[in-house]
C-alpha atoms as a PDB file:
ATOM      1  CA  UNK A   1       0.000   0.000   0.000  1.00  0.00           C
ATOM      2  CA  UNK A   2       1.022   3.576  -0.477  1.00  0.00           C
ATOM      3  CA  UNK A   3       1.440   6.392   1.979  1.00  0.00           C
ATOM      4  CA  UNK A   4      -0.847   7.815   4.585  1.00  0.00           C
ATOM      5  CA  UNK A   5      -4.426   8.196   3.337  1.00  0.00           C
ATOM      6  CA  UNK A   6      -3.761   6.008   0.270  1.00  0.00           C
ATOM      7  CA  UNK A   7      -6.538   3.414   0.087  1.00  0.00           C
ATOM      8  CA  UNK A   8      -5.539   1.882  -3.266  1.00  0.00           C
ATOM      9  CA  UNK A   9      -4.243  -1.318  -1.651  1.00  0.00           C
ATOM     10  CA  UNK A  10      -7.680  -2.279  -0.381  1.00  0.00           C
ATOM     11  CA  UNK A  11      -8.900  -3.144  -3.888  1.00  0.00           C
ATOM     12  CA  UNK A  12      -5.875  -5.399  -4.302  1.00  0.00           C
ATOM     13  CA  UNK A  13      -6.798  -7.178  -1.040  1.00  0.00           C
ATOM     14  CA  UNK A  14     -10.506  -7.330  -1.957  1.00  0.00           C
ATOM     15  CA  UNK A  15     -11.218  -5.535   1.313  1.00  0.00           C
ATOM     16  CA  UNK A  16     -13.058  -2.415   2.452  1.00  0.00           C
ATOM     17  CA  UNK A  17     -11.965  -0.205   5.341  1.00  0.00           C
ATOM     18  CA  UNK A  18     -15.286  -1.001   7.041  1.00  0.00           C
ATOM     19  CA  UNK A  19     -14.304  -4.708   7.082  1.00  0.00           C
ATOM     20  CA  UNK A  20     -11.478  -4.043   9.544  1.00  0.00           C
ATOM     21  CA  UNK A  21     -11.868  -4.084  13.339  1.00  0.00           C
ATOM     22  CA  UNK A  22     -11.695  -0.765  15.173  1.00  0.00           C
ATOM     23  CA  UNK A  23     -10.970  -0.110  18.835  1.00  0.00           C
ATOM     24  CA  UNK A  24      -9.373  -3.534  19.268  1.00  0.00           C
ATOM     25  CA  UNK A  25      -5.843  -4.811  19.775  1.00  0.00           C
ATOM     26  CA  UNK A  26      -5.285  -7.105  16.795  1.00  0.00           C
ATOM     27  CA  UNK A  27      -1.626  -7.998  17.223  1.00  0.00           C
ATOM     28  CA  UNK A  28       1.773  -7.282  18.695  1.00  0.00           C
ATOM     29  CA  UNK A  29       5.035  -5.927  17.303  1.00  0.00           C
ATOM     30  CA  UNK A  30       8.409  -4.625  18.403  1.00  0.00           C
ATOM     31  CA  UNK A  31       9.253  -1.066  17.309  1.00  0.00           C
ATOM     32  CA  UNK A  32      12.898  -1.308  16.214  1.00  0.00           C
ATOM     33  CA  UNK A  33      13.411   2.160  14.742  1.00  0.00           C
ATOM     34  CA  UNK A  34      11.697   5.463  14.112  1.00  0.00           C
ATOM     35  CA  UNK A  35      12.892   7.577  11.181  1.00  0.00           C
ATOM     36  CA  UNK A  36      11.841  10.886   9.693  1.00  0.00           C
ATOM     37  CA  UNK A  37      10.908  11.021   6.010  1.00  0.00           C
ATOM     38  CA  UNK A  38       9.592  14.145   4.263  1.00  0.00           C
ATOM     39  CA  UNK A  39       8.494  15.681   7.559  1.00  0.00           C
ATOM     40  CA  UNK A  40       6.678  12.531   8.743  1.00  0.00           C
ATOM     41  CA  UNK A  41       7.877   9.941  11.217  1.00  0.00           C
ATOM     42  CA  UNK A  42       7.904   6.272  10.228  1.00  0.00           C
ATOM     43  CA  UNK A  43       8.001   3.436  12.739  1.00  0.00           C
ATOM     44  CA  UNK A  44       9.781   0.236  11.708  1.00  0.00           C
ATOM     45  CA  UNK A  45       8.481  -3.020  13.189  1.00  0.00           C
ATOM     46  CA  UNK A  46       9.824  -6.541  13.694  1.00  0.00           C
ATOM     47  CA  UNK A  47       8.338  -9.613  15.363  1.00  0.00           C
ATOM     48  CA  UNK A  48       4.871  -8.720  14.038  1.00  0.00           C
ATOM     49  CA  UNK A  49       2.240 -11.252  15.122  1.00  0.00           C
ATOM     50  CA  UNK A  50      -1.528 -11.228  14.623  1.00  0.00           C
ATOM     51  CA  UNK A  51      -3.538 -12.318  17.653  1.00  0.00           C
ATOM     52  CA  UNK A  52      -5.859 -15.276  17.142  1.00  0.00           C
ATOM     53  CA  UNK A  53      -8.704 -13.306  18.750  1.00  0.00           C
ATOM     54  CA  UNK A  54      -8.683  -9.478  18.949  1.00  0.00           C
ATOM     55  CA  UNK A  55      -8.768  -8.008  22.476  1.00  0.00           C
ATOM     56  CA  UNK A  56     -10.691  -4.956  23.662  1.00  0.00           C
ATOM     57  CA  UNK A  57      -8.485  -2.680  25.813  1.00  0.00           C
ATOM     58  CA  UNK A  58      -9.604  -2.413  29.431  1.00  0.00           C
ATOM     59  CA  UNK A  59      -8.353   1.119  30.136  1.00  0.00           C
ATOM     60  CA  UNK A  60      -6.557   3.533  27.787  1.00  0.00           C
ATOM     61  CA  UNK A  61      -6.745   3.254  24.009  1.00  0.00           C
ATOM     62  CA  UNK A  62      -3.145   2.007  23.813  1.00  0.00           C
ATOM     63  CA  UNK A  63      -2.690   0.594  27.332  1.00  0.00           C
ATOM     64  CA  UNK A  64       0.969  -0.349  27.020  1.00  0.00           C
ATOM     65  CA  UNK A  65       2.635   2.854  25.835  1.00  0.00           C
ATOM     66  CA  UNK A  66       0.076   5.638  25.386  1.00  0.00           C
ATOM     67  CA  UNK A  67       0.384   8.416  27.977  1.00  0.00           C
ATOM     68  CA  UNK A  68      -1.974  11.396  27.821  1.00  0.00           C
ATOM     69  CA  UNK A  69      -0.357  14.831  27.581  1.00  0.00           C
END
């Protein structure tokens, strides 16, 4: 898929954005690097694994690392 806001890859996957779960934790990954490209930051992931069953967070939206301002 392309950059941010580019939905062209969904046709290739025969998928609509409404088909995807929202508000759920669907997998885990390790962030190995964060780089800046054209004024935007890009996170690089390894050890990406999809959970067998999505989980609903019990507290914050991203309970592991999200900290409100």
